[in-house]
Amino acid sequence: HGAAAIAIAKISARKPNRRAPELVAELCEDPTMYVKAAAAEALGIMGEAAAPFSEVLAKVSSSTYSFETRSAALMSFSQIGAKGQVYAPLVAKALYDDSADLRMTAAQSLARMGARGAAFADEVATLLQDPAFEVRKIAVGVLTEMGEDGKAHASAIEFLKEDKVPEVREAAELALKNM
């Protein structure tokens, strides 16, 4: 079912089908974790055609489902247009999740939400002090993508030029050059 959801989404993206998003959204209720995750991802692939099913994504993203399922839903919000951007506050809540991977996904999704996502630059900036170096590195890149809202945190990024992890230091240096 999971691969089928992705296939339906890709076909629908090329040749729009009004029923495809509805069929894929129904798979978000499947008891199998991988099917749920694939369905949530597929809704994102469908873009704005999946916007009427943003509530399904909201349910999946804020549930106790697996990281993969929640992550796919969070990222899909950034792919379904203006209706998905309305969920930026819900996506921002995941910046405080116990899962480092989910924190990174939430930050990346916000970066792709334009002004609505950039409104959470202050929250993303808290990730610059995250214990996981991967999260710090992603936060630097995300703030760079958030324009003026992200630039407001240049001094905090400057501090990361002294981070103990080389990848974080490099990301900070590159970000400061590009801001």
C-alpha atoms as a PDB file:
ATOM      1  CA  HIS A   1       0.000   0.000   0.000  1.00  0.00           C
ATOM      2  CA  GLY A   2       2.808   2.444   0.822  1.00  0.00           C
ATOM      3  CA  ALA A   3       4.480   2.170  -2.564  1.00  0.00           C
ATOM      4  CA  ALA A   4       1.071   2.369  -4.195  1.00  0.00           C
ATOM      5  CA  ALA A   5       0.362   5.667  -2.429  1.00  0.00           C
ATOM      6  CA  ILE A   6       3.608   7.143  -3.730  1.00  0.00           C
ATOM      7  CA  ALA A   7       2.884   5.831  -7.223  1.00  0.00           C
ATOM      8  CA  ILE A   8      -0.628   7.316  -7.202  1.00  0.00           C
ATOM      9  CA  ALA A   9       0.808  10.651  -6.101  1.00  0.00           C
ATOM     10  CA  LYS A  10       3.421  10.705  -8.857  1.00  0.00           C
ATOM     11  CA  ILE A  11       0.900   9.742 -11.511  1.00  0.00           C
ATOM     12  CA  SER A  12      -1.572  12.293 -10.193  1.00  0.00           C
ATOM     13  CA  ALA A  13       1.100  14.993 -10.302  1.00  0.00           C
ATOM     14  CA  ARG A  14       1.540  14.343 -14.034  1.00  0.00           C
ATOM     15  CA  LYS A  15      -2.110  13.680 -14.872  1.00  0.00           C
ATOM     16  CA  PRO A  16      -4.411  15.218 -12.256  1.00  0.00           C
ATOM     17  CA  ASN A  17      -7.088  12.957 -10.854  1.00  0.00           C
ATOM     18  CA  ARG A  18      -9.653  14.465  -8.494  1.00  0.00           C
ATOM     19  CA  ARG A  19     -10.084  11.258  -6.481  1.00  0.00           C
ATOM     20  CA  ALA A  20      -6.391  10.482  -6.021  1.00  0.00           C
ATOM     21  CA  PRO A  21      -5.780  12.768  -2.999  1.00  0.00           C
ATOM     22  CA  GLU A  22      -8.873  11.394  -1.271  1.00  0.00           C
ATOM     23  CA  LEU A  23      -7.772   7.804  -1.851  1.00  0.00           C
ATOM     24  CA  VAL A  24      -4.289   8.539  -0.547  1.00  0.00           C
ATOM     25  CA  ALA A  25      -5.664  10.439   2.471  1.00  0.00           C
ATOM     26  CA  GLU A  26      -7.668   7.348   3.398  1.00  0.00           C
ATOM     27  CA  LEU A  27      -4.394   5.410   3.585  1.00  0.00           C
ATOM     28  CA  CYS A  28      -3.302   7.702   6.431  1.00  0.00           C
ATOM     29  CA  GLU A  29      -5.748   5.649   8.532  1.00  0.00           C
ATOM     30  CA  ASP A  30      -4.094   2.349   7.606  1.00  0.00           C
ATOM     31  CA  PRO A  31      -2.886   0.371  10.653  1.00  0.00           C
ATOM     32  CA  THR A  32       0.544  -0.182   9.070  1.00  0.00           C
ATOM     33  CA  MET A  33       3.103   2.455   9.997  1.00  0.00           C
ATOM     34  CA  TYR A  34       4.867   2.373   6.618  1.00  0.00           C
ATOM     35  CA  VAL A  35       1.615   2.813   4.730  1.00  0.00           C
ATOM     36  CA  LYS A  36       0.709   5.837   6.890  1.00  0.00           C
ATOM     37  CA  ALA A  37       4.138   7.366   6.279  1.00  0.00           C
ATOM     38  CA  ALA A  38       3.987   6.763   2.536  1.00  0.00           C
ATOM     39  CA  ALA A  39       0.471   8.199   2.353  1.00  0.00           C
ATOM     40  CA  ALA A  40       1.522  11.341   4.239  1.00  0.00           C
ATOM     41  CA  GLU A  41       4.530  11.719   1.931  1.00  0.00           C
ATOM     42  CA  ALA A  42       2.338  11.122  -1.112  1.00  0.00           C
ATOM     43  CA  LEU A  43      -0.020  13.921  -0.088  1.00  0.00           C
ATOM     44  CA  GLY A  44       2.968  16.263  -0.133  1.00  0.00           C
ATOM     45  CA  ILE A  45       3.973  15.045  -3.586  1.00  0.00           C
ATOM     46  CA  MET A  46       0.463  15.863  -4.798  1.00  0.00           C
ATOM     47  CA  GLY A  47       1.003  19.482  -3.821  1.00  0.00           C
ATOM     48  CA  GLU A  48      -1.964  21.825  -3.713  1.00  0.00           C
ATOM     49  CA  ALA A  49      -4.327  19.059  -4.860  1.00  0.00           C
ATOM     50  CA  ALA A  50      -3.888  17.551  -1.392  1.00  0.00           C
ATOM     51  CA  ALA A  51      -4.643  20.813   0.449  1.00  0.00           C
ATOM     52  CA  PRO A  52      -8.239  19.776   1.278  1.00  0.00           C
ATOM     53  CA  PHE A  53      -6.741  16.931   3.321  1.00  0.00           C
ATOM     54  CA  SER A  54      -4.507  19.089   5.515  1.00  0.00           C
ATOM     55  CA  GLU A  55      -6.514  18.046   8.589  1.00  0.00           C
ATOM     56  CA  VAL A  56      -5.499  14.439   7.895  1.00  0.00           C
ATOM     57  CA  LEU A  57      -1.859  15.557   7.895  1.00  0.00           C
ATOM     58  CA  ALA A  58      -2.452  17.475  11.133  1.00  0.00           C
ATOM     59  CA  LYS A  59      -3.796  14.349  12.799  1.00  0.00           C
ATOM     60  CA  VAL A  60      -0.865  12.248  11.595  1.00  0.00           C
ATOM     61  CA  SER A  61       1.781  14.852  12.509  1.00  0.00           C
ATOM     62  CA  SER A  62       0.589  15.339  16.065  1.00  0.00           C
ATOM     63  CA  SER A  63      -0.050  11.718  16.887  1.00  0.00           C
ATOM     64  CA  THR A  64       2.038   9.127  18.646  1.00  0.00           C
ATOM     65  CA  TYR A  65       2.862   7.487  15.326  1.00  0.00           C
ATOM     66  CA  SER A  66       6.412   6.670  14.284  1.00  0.00           C
ATOM     67  CA  PHE A  67       9.018   9.278  13.469  1.00  0.00           C
ATOM     68  CA  GLU A  68       8.754   8.403   9.770  1.00  0.00           C
ATOM     69  CA  THR A  69       5.015   8.979   9.712  1.00  0.00           C
ATOM     70  CA  ARG A  70       5.093  12.226  11.665  1.00  0.00           C
ATOM     71  CA  SER A  71       8.073  13.493   9.681  1.00  0.00           C
ATOM     72  CA  ALA A  72       6.370  12.829   6.341  1.00  0.00           C
ATOM     73  CA  ALA A  73       3.280  14.719   7.491  1.00  0.00           C
ATOM     74  CA  LEU A  74       5.309  17.690   8.782  1.00  0.00           C
ATOM     75  CA  MET A  75       7.216  17.983   5.515  1.00  0.00           C
ATOM     76  CA  SER A  76       4.034  17.653   3.467  1.00  0.00           C
ATOM     77  CA  PHE A  77       2.608  20.809   5.038  1.00  0.00           C
ATOM     78  CA  SER A  78       5.331  22.759   3.228  1.00  0.00           C
ATOM     79  CA  GLN A  79       4.408  21.180  -0.097  1.00  0.00           C
ATOM     80  CA  ILE A  80       0.643  21.706  -0.265  1.00  0.00           C
ATOM     81  CA  GLY A  81       0.607  25.469  -0.642  1.00  0.00           C
ATOM     82  CA  ALA A  82      -1.062  28.182   1.392  1.00  0.00           C
ATOM     83  CA  LYS A  83      -3.389  25.754   3.179  1.00  0.00           C
ATOM     84  CA  GLY A  84      -0.371  23.869   4.493  1.00  0.00           C
ATOM     85  CA  GLN A  85       1.310  27.069   5.626  1.00  0.00           C
ATOM     86  CA  VAL A  86      -1.595  27.694   7.978  1.00  0.00           C
ATOM     87  CA  TYR A  87      -0.197  24.776   9.979  1.00  0.00           C
ATOM     88  CA  ALA A  88       3.166  26.464  10.592  1.00  0.00           C
ATOM     89  CA  PRO A  89       2.404  26.739  14.359  1.00  0.00           C
ATOM     90  CA  LEU A  90       1.757  22.988  14.506  1.00  0.00           C
ATOM     91  CA  VAL A  91       4.993  22.310  12.631  1.00  0.00           C
ATOM     92  CA  ALA A  92       6.853  24.657  14.988  1.00  0.00           C
ATOM     93  CA  LYS A  93       5.698  22.612  17.996  1.00  0.00           C
ATOM     94  CA  ALA A  94       7.774  19.722  16.655  1.00  0.00           C
ATOM     95  CA  LEU A  95      10.915  21.857  17.109  1.00  0.00           C
ATOM     96  CA  TYR A  96      10.654  20.829  20.760  1.00  0.00           C
ATOM     97  CA  ASP A  97      10.147  17.104  20.167  1.00  0.00           C
ATOM     98  CA  ASP A  98      12.403  14.544  21.853  1.00  0.00           C
ATOM     99  CA  SER A  99      13.451  13.211  18.441  1.00  0.00           C
ATOM    100  CA  ALA A 100      16.368  15.101  16.895  1.00  0.00           C
ATOM    101  CA  ASP A 101      15.285  13.877  13.469  1.00  0.00           C
ATOM    102  CA  LEU A 102      11.813  15.296  13.954  1.00  0.00           C
ATOM    103  CA  ARG A 103      13.239  18.636  15.139  1.00  0.00           C
ATOM    104  CA  MET A 104      15.309  18.810  11.944  1.00  0.00           C
ATOM    105  CA  THR A 105      12.343  17.934   9.739  1.00  0.00           C
ATOM    106  CA  ALA A 106      10.184  20.573  11.412  1.00  0.00           C
ATOM    107  CA  ALA A 107      12.840  23.227  10.880  1.00  0.00           C
ATOM    108  CA  GLN A 108      13.262  22.275   7.226  1.00  0.00           C
ATOM    109  CA  SER A 109       9.519  22.326   6.661  1.00  0.00           C
ATOM    110  CA  LEU A 110       9.240  25.801   8.202  1.00  0.00           C
ATOM    111  CA  ALA A 111      12.028  27.039   5.914  1.00  0.00           C
ATOM    112  CA  ARG A 112       9.904  26.026   2.918  1.00  0.00           C
ATOM    113  CA  MET A 113       6.780  27.816   4.152  1.00  0.00           C
ATOM    114  CA  GLY A 114       7.791  31.325   3.177  1.00  0.00           C
ATOM    115  CA  ALA A 115       6.795  34.164   5.480  1.00  0.00           C
ATOM    116  CA  ARG A 116       4.561  31.950   7.631  1.00  0.00           C
ATOM    117  CA  GLY A 117       7.467  29.623   8.374  1.00  0.00           C
ATOM    118  CA  ALA A 118       9.975  32.462   8.776  1.00  0.00           C
ATOM    119  CA  ALA A 119       7.755  33.870  11.522  1.00  0.00           C
ATOM    120  CA  PHE A 120       9.152  31.021  13.633  1.00  0.00           C
ATOM    121  CA  ALA A 121      12.803  31.992  13.144  1.00  0.00           C
ATOM    122  CA  ASP A 122      13.151  32.708  16.880  1.00  0.00           C
ATOM    123  CA  GLU A 123      12.014  29.171  17.672  1.00  0.00           C
ATOM    124  CA  VAL A 124      14.334  27.690  15.040  1.00  0.00           C
ATOM    125  CA  ALA A 125      17.186  29.737  16.547  1.00  0.00           C
ATOM    126  CA  THR A 126      16.772  27.831  19.824  1.00  0.00           C
ATOM    127  CA  LEU A 127      18.027  24.793  17.884  1.00  0.00           C
ATOM    128  CA  LEU A 128      21.415  26.495  17.511  1.00  0.00           C
ATOM    129  CA  GLN A 129      22.040  25.288  21.068  1.00  0.00           C
ATOM    130  CA  ASP A 130      20.674  21.787  20.515  1.00  0.00           C
ATOM    131  CA  PRO A 131      22.746  18.945  21.995  1.00  0.00           C
ATOM    132  CA  ALA A 132      22.654  17.094  18.647  1.00  0.00           C
ATOM    133  CA  PHE A 133      25.194  18.584  16.256  1.00  0.00           C
ATOM    134  CA  GLU A 134      23.079  17.574  13.231  1.00  0.00           C
ATOM    135  CA  VAL A 135      20.243  19.721  14.558  1.00  0.00           C
ATOM    136  CA  ARG A 136      22.559  22.706  15.085  1.00  0.00           C
ATOM    137  CA  LYS A 137      23.864  22.332  11.534  1.00  0.00           C
ATOM    138  CA  ILE A 138      20.350  22.151  10.034  1.00  0.00           C
ATOM    139  CA  ALA A 139      19.210  25.138  12.120  1.00  0.00           C
ATOM    140  CA  VAL A 140      22.027  27.243  10.675  1.00  0.00           C
ATOM    141  CA  GLY A 141      20.977  26.401   7.137  1.00  0.00           C
ATOM    142  CA  VAL A 142      17.294  26.940   7.845  1.00  0.00           C
ATOM    143  CA  LEU A 143      17.899  30.375   9.344  1.00  0.00           C
ATOM    144  CA  THR A 144      19.845  31.289   6.204  1.00  0.00           C
ATOM    145  CA  GLU A 145      16.781  30.355   4.138  1.00  0.00           C
ATOM    146  CA  MET A 146      14.462  32.476   6.309  1.00  0.00           C
ATOM    147  CA  GLY A 147      15.674  35.803   4.938  1.00  0.00           C
ATOM    148  CA  GLU A 148      15.555  38.817   7.239  1.00  0.00           C
ATOM    149  CA  ASP A 149      13.903  36.821  10.022  1.00  0.00           C
ATOM    150  CA  GLY A 150      16.822  34.404   9.974  1.00  0.00           C
ATOM    151  CA  LYS A 151      19.414  37.171   9.613  1.00  0.00           C
ATOM    152  CA  ALA A 152      18.302  38.499  12.976  1.00  0.00           C
ATOM    153  CA  HIS A 153      20.128  35.517  14.466  1.00  0.00           C
ATOM    154  CA  ALA A 154      23.469  36.116  12.763  1.00  0.00           C
ATOM    155  CA  SER A 155      25.201  36.803  16.095  1.00  0.00           C
ATOM    156  CA  ALA A 156      24.075  33.417  17.444  1.00  0.00           C
ATOM    157  CA  ILE A 157      25.313  31.765  14.244  1.00  0.00           C
ATOM    158  CA  GLU A 158      28.606  33.650  14.633  1.00  0.00           C
ATOM    159  CA  PHE A 159      29.036  31.916  17.989  1.00  0.00           C
ATOM    160  CA  LEU A 160      28.834  28.533  16.214  1.00  0.00           C
ATOM    161  CA  LYS A 161      32.042  29.306  14.321  1.00  0.00           C
ATOM    162  CA  GLU A 162      33.620  28.037  17.553  1.00  0.00           C
ATOM    163  CA  ASP A 163      31.490  24.862  17.782  1.00  0.00           C
ATOM    164  CA  LYS A 164      33.331  21.681  18.705  1.00  0.00           C
ATOM    165  CA  VAL A 165      32.005  19.908  15.582  1.00  0.00           C
ATOM    166  CA  PRO A 166      33.693  20.821  12.270  1.00  0.00           C
ATOM    167  CA  GLU A 167      30.490  20.426  10.203  1.00  0.00           C
ATOM    168  CA  VAL A 168      28.693  22.939  12.405  1.00  0.00           C
ATOM    169  CA  ARG A 169      31.582  25.401  12.194  1.00  0.00           C
ATOM    170  CA  GLU A 170      31.630  25.079   8.394  1.00  0.00           C
ATOM    171  CA  ALA A 171      27.853  25.537   8.164  1.00  0.00           C
ATOM    172  CA  ALA A 172      28.074  28.665  10.334  1.00  0.00           C
ATOM    173  CA  GLU A 173      30.854  30.171   8.227  1.00  0.00           C
ATOM    174  CA  LEU A 174      28.993  29.477   4.985  1.00  0.00           C
ATOM    175  CA  ALA A 175      25.734  30.847   6.393  1.00  0.00           C
ATOM    176  CA  LEU A 176      27.351  34.087   7.510  1.00  0.00           C
ATOM    177  CA  LYS A 177      28.848  34.556   4.033  1.00  0.00           C
ATOM    178  CA  ASN A 178      25.418  34.041   2.450  1.00  0.00           C
ATOM    179  CA  MET A 179      23.403  36.258   4.792  1.00  0.00           C
END
